[in-house]
Amino acid sequence: MKYLKYPVKLLKRACLLVLSVVGSVLSKYVPKQNNLIILEGSDDQRYNENSRYLFEYLSKQNDLEVYWFTSNAAVRDHVRSLGYKPLYGILEKLMIMPKAKMVIGTGSSPLNFLNTIGNGAIKICLMHGIGPKASVYTGESELPTMRELENIHKFDYLNFTSAYTSELIGKLAYKTPYKKIIIFGYPRNDQYFDKQKCEDLLKLKTKARQIFPQMPKDAKLLLYSPTWRKDRSRELPIARLKGFDLDAFNDFLVQNGFYMICTIHPNVASGMNVNRSNIFVVDYIKDPLFDINSLMTEADVLINDYSTTSTDFALLDRPQIFVMPDYDEYVKKDCFTEDYRSILPGKEVFSFDELKQTIIDRQHSSEKFRENRKTFLKKYYDASLANSCELHAQFIRKVLGI
C-alpha cells in the first residue's frame, strides 16, 4: 500500500490544479451577485470567531444571501439546523463562490478557495483579536513578516476596535492605507453589553455544565486562555509557575468549589494529557463548534498571559489573573505595542501559592483593578461600539450599494 501513496498524492495535486484553473475561469467570467456574501471562521473546520456572530446576524436580513464556508460536516449540519446556509461540497463551492460579491473572514488572508473569488469581490477582515500583543512579528526572519503583511494587504477593509488600535496597529504595524480602515468593534462582543443577560449566563453556566455535569449550583468557573507559543510547547504555560503542581491545583479547585476550562491552540492541545476531575482542556478537533466567547459569559475569572482575550473579558468587568513565568523570554521573541506589565487589567502572580490566594480573593482583586480595566479599554476597545453587527451590516449595504 505504501507504494500507492505517492501516485495518489500526485493525482490529488493534479485534480486540485485542474479545479483551480476552472475556479479562475469561473471567477473571471461568472457575473457577481450583488447581495451574495460568504463568511468563514478561523479555518474551514470550525464555526467560530467574529464571523460566526456576524454570519448569524446577516443571515436574518431578508435582502442578503449569506453562506458559511466550511469543509466540516458537523459544522455544515449545525448551520443547517439553525436554518442558515452552509457552503460545503466542492461542486457547490464552484457554483456559488464565483458569484460572491463579498467575502468576510478573521484570518490573515482572504478566502479564495480554488481561485474562485478573484479580484471582483470585496474582501473584509473582521480581525481575530486586539490588544498590546497585536503586531505582525515573527522574530526569526523578515520574510514571514513581509509575507503576513502582503496577505493582510489583500483585504479591502480591516476592522478595528478603537481609534487608538486603528492608528497603532492598523497604520503603524500593518502599514494599512487609511481608506481601508474601519472601526466597528467585534460582532462577538455585542453580547457583553447586555449586562443582565451576562449575569444570568454567569449564574446558569449552561455550557460549562455540559463539560462538568457534576458542577454544583454555586460552583465558580475559571477560564484559562494562554496564547500561542512559537515553540509549540506541549506544556501548559501555567506549569512553569514557581511551585506549581497540576494534581495539587486540581485538589485546590475541588476543595474550593472551582472548575477550570483551558483553551489551548489546537496544535498543542491534542498532545496534552492534563484533564482532571475539575480541569478540562478543549479539543477543537473533537468540537468544531466550540466558541470561547460564549463561554466567557459564564466565567467568574479569566486566567491569561498575553492573549487578546483580556480585551474581550475586560468588557465584562470581571477579575483577571495573569500568569507569565516566561515573560522575559516571550518579550525577546514576540512584540508588544507598549510595556505590557504596566497596563495589565488584572493582577500578575509569580508563584503557585500566590495564584491560589488570588483566586480565593478574586472579588477584592476585581475591585482593585477596575480602573485598570477602564484605562485598558479606552485604548483597546471603544465601549461605544456596542452594536458591532449592525454597524457592519450598514457598512456592507453601503459598499454593496444595496
Protein backbone atom coordinates (compact mmCIF):
# COMPACT_ATOMS: atom_id res chain seq x y z
CA MET A 1 0.00 0.00 0.00
CA LYS A 2 2.84 2.39 0.74
CA TYR A 3 3.82 2.35 -2.95
CA LEU A 4 0.39 3.78 -3.81
CA LYS A 5 0.73 6.84 -1.58
CA TYR A 6 2.96 8.84 -3.92
CA PRO A 7 0.79 8.31 -7.06
CA VAL A 8 -2.33 9.18 -5.03
CA LYS A 9 -0.71 12.41 -3.85
CA LEU A 10 0.23 13.28 -7.43
CA LEU A 11 -3.32 12.58 -8.57
CA LYS A 12 -4.75 14.81 -5.83
CA ARG A 13 -2.40 17.63 -6.76
CA ALA A 14 -3.31 17.27 -10.43
CA CYS A 15 -7.02 17.39 -9.58
CA LEU A 16 -6.57 20.48 -7.41
CA LEU A 17 -4.58 22.16 -10.16
CA VAL A 18 -7.32 21.47 -12.70
CA LEU A 19 -10.02 22.67 -10.30
CA SER A 20 -8.01 25.81 -9.55
CA VAL A 21 -7.85 26.59 -13.27
CA VAL A 22 -11.60 26.02 -13.51
CA GLY A 23 -12.11 28.25 -10.47
CA SER A 24 -10.00 31.03 -12.01
CA VAL A 25 -12.02 30.93 -15.22
CA LEU A 26 -15.33 30.94 -13.34
CA SER A 27 -14.27 33.86 -11.10
CA LYS A 28 -13.37 35.87 -14.16
CA TYR A 29 -16.47 35.26 -16.30
CA VAL A 30 -19.34 34.45 -13.92
CA PRO A 31 -21.31 37.63 -13.08
CA LYS A 32 -21.26 38.71 -9.45
CA GLN A 33 -24.48 38.59 -7.44
CA ASN A 34 -24.61 41.92 -5.66
CA ASN A 35 -26.06 40.65 -2.36
CA LEU A 36 -24.15 37.34 -2.10
CA ILE A 37 -21.78 37.21 0.89
CA ILE A 38 -19.58 34.34 2.11
CA LEU A 39 -18.12 34.19 5.63
CA GLU A 40 -15.58 31.81 7.17
CA GLY A 41 -14.16 31.12 10.64
CA SER A 42 -10.52 30.88 11.69
CA ASP A 43 -10.28 27.90 9.31
CA ASP A 44 -12.63 25.75 7.24
CA GLN A 45 -13.10 23.25 10.08
CA ARG A 46 -14.55 25.48 12.78
CA TYR A 47 -17.66 27.55 13.40
CA ASN A 48 -16.25 30.38 15.46
CA GLU A 49 -14.89 33.88 15.77
CA ASN A 50 -16.31 37.28 14.87
CA SER A 51 -17.52 35.93 11.54
CA ARG A 52 -19.79 33.41 13.31
CA TYR A 53 -21.71 36.16 15.06
CA LEU A 54 -21.89 38.41 12.02
CA PHE A 55 -22.97 35.46 9.85
CA GLU A 56 -25.92 34.72 12.11
CA TYR A 57 -26.88 38.40 12.18
CA LEU A 58 -26.65 38.87 8.41
CA SER A 59 -28.48 35.60 7.74
CA LYS A 60 -31.57 37.15 9.30
CA GLN A 61 -31.53 40.05 6.82
CA ASN A 62 -34.01 39.45 4.00
CA ASP A 63 -32.09 41.48 1.42
CA LEU A 64 -28.83 39.48 1.75
CA GLU A 65 -27.89 35.97 0.60
CA VAL A 66 -25.33 34.71 3.11
CA TYR A 67 -23.27 31.48 3.22
CA TRP A 68 -20.89 29.92 5.75
CA PHE A 69 -17.81 28.35 4.11
CA THR A 70 -16.79 25.02 5.66
CA SER A 71 -15.27 21.62 4.93
CA ASN A 72 -16.53 20.09 8.18
CA ALA A 73 -19.72 18.01 8.06
CA ALA A 74 -20.58 18.75 11.71
CA VAL A 75 -20.38 22.48 11.05
CA ARG A 76 -22.46 22.07 7.89
CA ASP A 77 -25.17 20.20 9.81
CA HIS A 78 -25.15 22.75 12.63
CA VAL A 79 -25.54 25.69 10.26
CA ARG A 80 -28.43 23.92 8.53
CA SER A 81 -30.06 23.20 11.89
CA LEU A 82 -30.10 26.94 12.55
CA GLY A 83 -31.92 27.50 9.29
CA TYR A 84 -28.91 29.15 7.62
CA LYS A 85 -26.88 28.31 4.50
CA PRO A 86 -23.64 26.29 4.68
CA LEU A 87 -21.26 26.16 1.70
CA TYR A 88 -19.80 22.66 1.91
CA GLY A 89 -19.26 20.48 -1.18
CA ILE A 90 -16.63 21.21 -3.86
CA LEU A 91 -19.19 21.38 -6.67
CA GLU A 92 -21.41 23.64 -4.58
CA LYS A 93 -18.45 25.90 -3.88
CA LEU A 94 -17.50 26.03 -7.55
CA MET A 95 -21.06 27.03 -8.42
CA ILE A 96 -21.61 29.67 -5.74
CA MET A 97 -18.26 31.21 -4.83
CA PRO A 98 -17.54 32.83 -8.23
CA LYS A 99 -20.81 34.77 -7.81
CA ALA A 100 -19.84 36.18 -4.40
CA LYS A 101 -19.67 39.96 -4.25
CA MET A 102 -18.15 39.93 -0.77
CA VAL A 103 -16.11 37.56 1.41
CA ILE A 104 -15.61 38.13 5.14
CA GLY A 105 -13.16 36.41 7.48
CA THR A 106 -10.92 36.82 10.51
CA GLY A 107 -7.65 35.32 9.30
CA SER A 108 -4.51 36.89 7.90
CA SER A 109 -5.52 36.37 4.25
CA PRO A 110 -8.84 36.46 2.37
CA LEU A 111 -10.81 33.36 1.45
CA ASN A 112 -10.09 32.28 -2.15
CA PHE A 113 -10.85 28.54 -2.39
CA LEU A 114 -9.62 27.16 -5.74
CA ASN A 115 -9.19 30.74 -7.01
CA THR A 116 -12.97 31.09 -7.20
CA ILE A 117 -13.20 34.56 -5.67
CA GLY A 118 -10.96 36.67 -7.89
CA ASN A 119 -10.50 40.41 -7.83
CA GLY A 120 -14.14 41.29 -8.36
CA ALA A 121 -15.20 40.53 -4.78
CA ILE A 122 -14.88 42.90 -1.81
CA LYS A 123 -12.79 41.38 0.99
CA ILE A 124 -13.27 42.34 4.66
CA CYS A 125 -11.20 41.18 7.64
CA LEU A 126 -13.05 41.37 10.97
CA MET A 127 -9.76 40.62 12.78
CA HIS A 128 -9.03 37.85 15.27
CA GLY A 129 -8.15 39.87 18.37
CA ILE A 130 -6.83 43.22 19.51
CA GLY A 131 -4.57 44.02 22.45
CA PRO A 132 -1.00 45.00 23.32
CA LYS A 133 0.24 41.83 21.60
CA ALA A 134 -1.23 42.60 18.23
CA SER A 135 1.51 43.28 15.70
CA VAL A 136 2.67 41.05 12.85
CA TYR A 137 6.08 39.90 14.01
CA THR A 138 7.94 36.61 13.73
CA GLY A 139 11.33 37.46 15.25
CA GLU A 140 13.29 34.85 13.29
CA SER A 141 13.30 36.40 9.82
CA GLU A 142 11.84 39.34 7.95
CA LEU A 143 10.43 37.09 5.19
CA PRO A 144 7.50 35.58 7.17
CA THR A 145 6.63 39.04 8.47
CA MET A 146 6.60 40.53 4.97
CA ARG A 147 4.54 37.59 3.75
CA GLU A 148 1.98 38.20 6.52
CA LEU A 149 1.74 41.88 5.64
CA GLU A 150 1.36 41.04 1.96
CA ASN A 151 -1.57 38.74 2.75
CA ILE A 152 -3.20 41.29 5.03
CA HIS A 153 -3.00 43.92 2.30
CA LYS A 154 -5.11 41.68 0.04
CA PHE A 155 -8.12 42.74 2.10
CA ASP A 156 -10.08 45.79 1.01
CA TYR A 157 -11.04 46.65 4.58
CA LEU A 158 -9.58 45.86 8.03
CA ASN A 159 -11.79 46.25 11.10
CA PHE A 160 -10.51 47.71 14.39
CA THR A 161 -11.93 48.28 17.84
CA SER A 162 -10.88 51.86 18.61
CA ALA A 163 -9.21 54.91 17.12
CA TYR A 164 -6.09 54.01 19.12
CA THR A 165 -5.82 50.49 17.68
CA SER A 166 -6.54 51.69 14.16
CA GLU A 167 -3.62 54.12 14.42
CA LEU A 168 -1.13 51.96 16.29
CA ILE A 169 -1.94 48.57 14.76
CA GLY A 170 -3.65 49.46 11.51
CA LYS A 171 -1.45 52.27 10.26
CA LEU A 172 1.86 51.74 12.03
CA ALA A 173 2.13 47.96 12.49
CA TYR A 174 0.16 46.75 9.44
CA LYS A 175 1.03 49.74 7.20
CA THR A 176 -2.62 49.91 6.14
CA PRO A 177 -3.85 52.82 3.97
CA TYR A 178 -6.40 54.85 5.93
CA LYS A 179 -9.09 54.24 3.27
CA LYS A 180 -9.00 50.52 4.16
CA ILE A 181 -9.52 51.06 7.91
CA ILE A 182 -12.95 50.69 9.52
CA ILE A 183 -13.70 50.94 13.26
CA PHE A 184 -16.81 48.92 14.09
CA GLY A 185 -15.78 46.76 17.05
CA TYR A 186 -16.19 42.99 17.21
CA PRO A 187 -19.51 41.23 16.41
CA ARG A 188 -18.69 38.57 19.03
CA ASN A 189 -18.59 41.24 21.76
CA ASP A 190 -22.08 42.68 21.25
CA GLN A 191 -23.36 40.11 23.75
CA TYR A 192 -21.23 41.57 26.54
CA PHE A 193 -23.14 44.85 26.55
CA ASP A 194 -26.34 43.13 27.72
CA LYS A 195 -25.39 43.18 31.39
CA GLN A 196 -28.49 41.39 32.70
CA LYS A 197 -28.13 38.55 30.20
CA CYS A 198 -24.44 38.18 31.10
CA GLU A 199 -25.30 37.96 34.78
CA ASP A 200 -27.92 35.30 34.06
CA LEU A 201 -25.45 33.27 31.99
CA LEU A 202 -22.86 33.58 34.76
CA LYS A 203 -25.30 32.02 37.21
CA LEU A 204 -26.58 29.27 34.91
CA LYS A 205 -23.20 28.17 33.44
CA THR A 206 -25.04 26.02 30.89
CA LYS A 207 -22.07 25.38 28.58
CA ALA A 208 -19.70 24.70 31.47
CA ARG A 209 -22.12 22.13 32.88
CA GLN A 210 -22.05 20.28 29.57
CA ILE A 211 -18.34 19.75 30.24
CA PHE A 212 -18.68 19.27 34.01
CA PRO A 213 -22.12 17.68 34.61
CA GLN A 214 -21.24 17.28 38.30
CA MET A 215 -20.74 21.03 38.79
CA PRO A 216 -22.73 22.22 41.85
CA LYS A 217 -25.09 25.18 41.57
CA ASP A 218 -22.78 27.56 43.45
CA ALA A 219 -19.54 26.46 41.73
CA LYS A 220 -17.19 29.02 40.16
CA LEU A 221 -15.59 28.77 36.73
CA LEU A 222 -12.03 29.69 35.78
CA LEU A 223 -11.26 30.17 32.10
CA TYR A 224 -7.58 29.72 31.22
CA SER A 225 -6.66 31.06 27.76
CA PRO A 226 -2.88 31.25 27.27
CA THR A 227 -1.70 32.49 23.91
CA TRP A 228 0.12 30.59 21.17
CA ARG A 229 3.82 29.87 21.70
CA LYS A 230 6.03 29.71 18.63
CA ASP A 231 7.99 26.76 20.02
CA ARG A 232 4.76 24.68 20.07
CA SER A 233 5.47 23.51 23.58
CA ARG A 234 3.05 20.82 24.74
CA GLU A 235 3.25 22.03 28.32
CA LEU A 236 0.64 24.28 29.88
CA PRO A 237 2.42 27.63 30.42
CA ILE A 238 0.98 27.73 33.92
CA ALA A 239 3.05 24.62 34.74
CA ARG A 240 6.17 26.82 34.68
CA LEU A 241 4.84 28.90 37.59
CA LYS A 242 7.05 28.61 40.69
CA GLY A 243 5.90 25.68 42.83
CA PHE A 244 3.06 24.68 40.51
CA ASP A 245 1.74 21.12 40.68
CA LEU A 246 -1.17 20.06 38.48
CA ASP A 247 -2.63 17.46 40.84
CA ALA A 248 -2.29 19.80 43.80
CA PHE A 249 -4.02 22.52 41.78
CA ASN A 250 -6.88 20.17 40.95
CA ASP A 251 -7.19 19.31 44.65
CA PHE A 252 -7.33 23.04 45.43
CA LEU A 253 -10.10 23.52 42.86
CA VAL A 254 -12.09 20.61 44.31
CA GLN A 255 -11.75 21.87 47.89
CA ASN A 256 -12.84 25.40 46.99
CA GLY A 257 -15.62 24.69 44.50
CA PHE A 258 -13.81 25.81 41.33
CA TYR A 259 -13.65 24.30 37.86
CA MET A 260 -11.23 25.30 35.10
CA ILE A 261 -11.59 25.11 31.33
CA CYS A 262 -8.41 25.60 29.27
CA THR A 263 -8.46 26.81 25.68
CA ILE A 264 -5.15 25.92 24.04
CA HIS A 265 -4.04 26.18 20.42
CA PRO A 266 -5.23 23.06 18.51
CA ASN A 267 -1.68 22.04 17.55
CA VAL A 268 -0.79 21.87 21.23
CA ALA A 269 -3.98 20.74 22.95
CA SER A 270 -4.12 17.44 21.06
CA GLY A 271 -0.86 16.34 22.68
CA MET A 272 -1.73 17.25 26.26
CA ASN A 273 -2.80 14.83 28.96
CA VAL A 274 -3.78 17.21 31.74
CA ASN A 275 -7.52 16.65 32.20
CA ARG A 276 -8.52 16.09 35.81
CA SER A 277 -11.84 15.98 37.67
CA ASN A 278 -12.02 19.79 37.75
CA ILE A 279 -9.73 20.67 34.81
CA PHE A 280 -10.65 20.28 31.15
CA VAL A 281 -8.64 21.17 28.02
CA VAL A 282 -10.78 21.94 24.98
CA ASP A 283 -10.01 19.84 21.91
CA TYR A 284 -11.05 21.93 18.91
CA ILE A 285 -10.73 18.95 16.56
CA LYS A 286 -13.34 16.98 18.52
CA ASP A 287 -15.56 20.02 19.00
CA PRO A 288 -15.51 22.28 15.90
CA LEU A 289 -18.49 24.23 17.30
CA PHE A 290 -16.69 25.37 20.45
CA ASP A 291 -16.82 29.13 20.93
CA ILE A 292 -14.71 30.72 23.64
CA ASN A 293 -16.64 33.98 23.57
CA SER A 294 -19.92 32.41 24.64
CA LEU A 295 -18.03 30.60 27.41
CA MET A 296 -16.58 33.90 28.68
CA THR A 297 -20.04 34.99 29.83
CA GLU A 298 -20.03 32.02 32.23
CA ALA A 299 -16.52 32.55 33.60
CA ASP A 300 -16.01 34.12 37.02
CA VAL A 301 -12.28 34.66 36.44
CA LEU A 302 -10.03 34.75 33.39
CA ILE A 303 -6.50 33.39 33.81
CA ASN A 304 -4.37 34.67 30.97
CA ASP A 305 -0.91 35.69 29.85
CA TYR A 306 -0.51 37.59 26.56
CA SER A 307 -3.71 36.60 24.77
CA THR A 308 -6.04 39.29 23.43
CA THR A 309 -8.91 37.55 25.26
CA SER A 310 -8.05 40.06 28.01
CA THR A 311 -9.61 42.79 25.90
CA ASP A 312 -12.87 40.90 25.39
CA PHE A 313 -13.09 39.85 29.04
CA ALA A 314 -12.43 43.38 30.28
CA LEU A 315 -15.82 44.35 28.80
CA LEU A 316 -17.43 42.02 31.35
CA ASP A 317 -15.63 43.86 34.19
CA ARG A 318 -14.68 40.63 35.95
CA PRO A 319 -11.40 39.58 37.62
CA GLN A 320 -8.37 38.66 35.52
CA ILE A 321 -5.23 36.91 36.71
CA PHE A 322 -2.00 36.94 34.69
CA VAL A 323 0.43 34.02 34.79
CA MET A 324 3.57 34.89 32.79
CA PRO A 325 6.56 32.86 34.06
CA ASP A 326 8.19 33.11 30.62
CA TYR A 327 7.75 36.88 30.28
CA ASP A 328 11.41 37.80 29.66
CA GLU A 329 11.80 35.02 27.10
CA TYR A 330 8.50 35.89 25.41
CA VAL A 331 9.32 39.59 25.08
CA LYS A 332 12.53 38.72 23.22
CA LYS A 333 10.74 36.54 20.67
CA ASP A 334 7.49 38.44 20.21
CA CYS A 335 6.36 42.05 20.14
CA PHE A 336 4.13 44.35 22.22
CA THR A 337 2.75 47.74 21.27
CA GLU A 338 3.70 49.09 24.71
CA ASP A 339 5.04 47.94 28.06
CA TYR A 340 2.64 45.11 28.80
CA ARG A 341 3.12 44.74 32.53
CA SER A 342 2.37 48.42 33.17
CA ILE A 343 -1.16 48.22 31.74
CA LEU A 344 -2.44 44.80 32.86
CA PRO A 345 -6.21 44.82 33.57
CA GLY A 346 -5.67 42.38 36.42
CA LYS A 347 -3.13 41.02 38.87
CA GLU A 348 0.04 39.18 37.84
CA VAL A 349 1.05 36.28 40.10
CA PHE A 350 4.53 34.82 40.43
CA SER A 351 4.04 31.61 42.41
CA PHE A 352 1.60 28.76 42.87
CA ASP A 353 0.70 29.95 46.38
CA GLU A 354 0.02 33.48 45.11
CA LEU A 355 -2.16 32.09 42.33
CA LYS A 356 -4.32 30.14 44.77
CA GLN A 357 -4.66 33.11 47.13
CA THR A 358 -5.60 35.46 44.29
CA ILE A 359 -8.30 33.05 43.08
CA ILE A 360 -9.75 32.98 46.59
CA ASP A 361 -9.57 36.79 46.84
CA ARG A 362 -10.95 37.29 43.32
CA GLN A 363 -13.62 39.85 44.28
CA HIS A 364 -11.12 42.07 46.12
CA SER A 365 -8.79 41.78 43.14
CA SER A 366 -11.61 42.73 40.78
CA GLU A 367 -12.37 45.96 42.63
CA LYS A 368 -8.70 46.88 42.89
CA PHE A 369 -8.14 46.61 39.13
CA ARG A 370 -11.44 48.16 37.94
CA GLU A 371 -9.76 51.42 36.97
CA ASN A 372 -7.04 49.49 35.15
CA ARG A 373 -9.71 47.80 33.05
CA LYS A 374 -11.32 51.12 32.19
CA THR A 375 -7.96 52.59 31.16
CA PHE A 376 -7.17 49.46 29.16
CA LEU A 377 -10.48 49.63 27.28
CA LYS A 378 -10.10 53.32 26.47
CA LYS A 379 -7.17 52.28 24.31
CA TYR A 380 -8.08 48.85 23.04
CA TYR A 381 -11.88 48.74 22.82
CA ASP A 382 -14.20 51.68 22.33
CA ALA A 383 -17.16 50.75 24.55
CA SER A 384 -19.49 52.91 22.45
CA LEU A 385 -19.26 50.21 19.75
CA ALA A 386 -21.94 48.13 21.45
CA ASN A 387 -23.74 47.25 18.20
CA SER A 388 -20.92 45.94 16.02
CA CYS A 389 -23.13 43.59 13.97
CA GLU A 390 -25.44 46.41 12.95
CA LEU A 391 -22.56 48.77 12.18
CA HIS A 392 -21.07 46.12 9.91
CA ALA A 393 -24.44 45.46 8.26
CA GLN A 394 -24.91 49.15 7.47
CA PHE A 395 -21.40 49.38 6.05
CA ILE A 396 -21.87 46.22 3.97
CA ARG A 397 -25.04 47.55 2.39
CA LYS A 398 -23.32 50.84 1.64
CA VAL A 399 -20.33 49.17 -0.01
CA LEU A 400 -22.55 46.77 -1.99
CA GLY A 401 -24.87 49.56 -2.99
CA ILE A 402 -27.94 47.81 -1.60
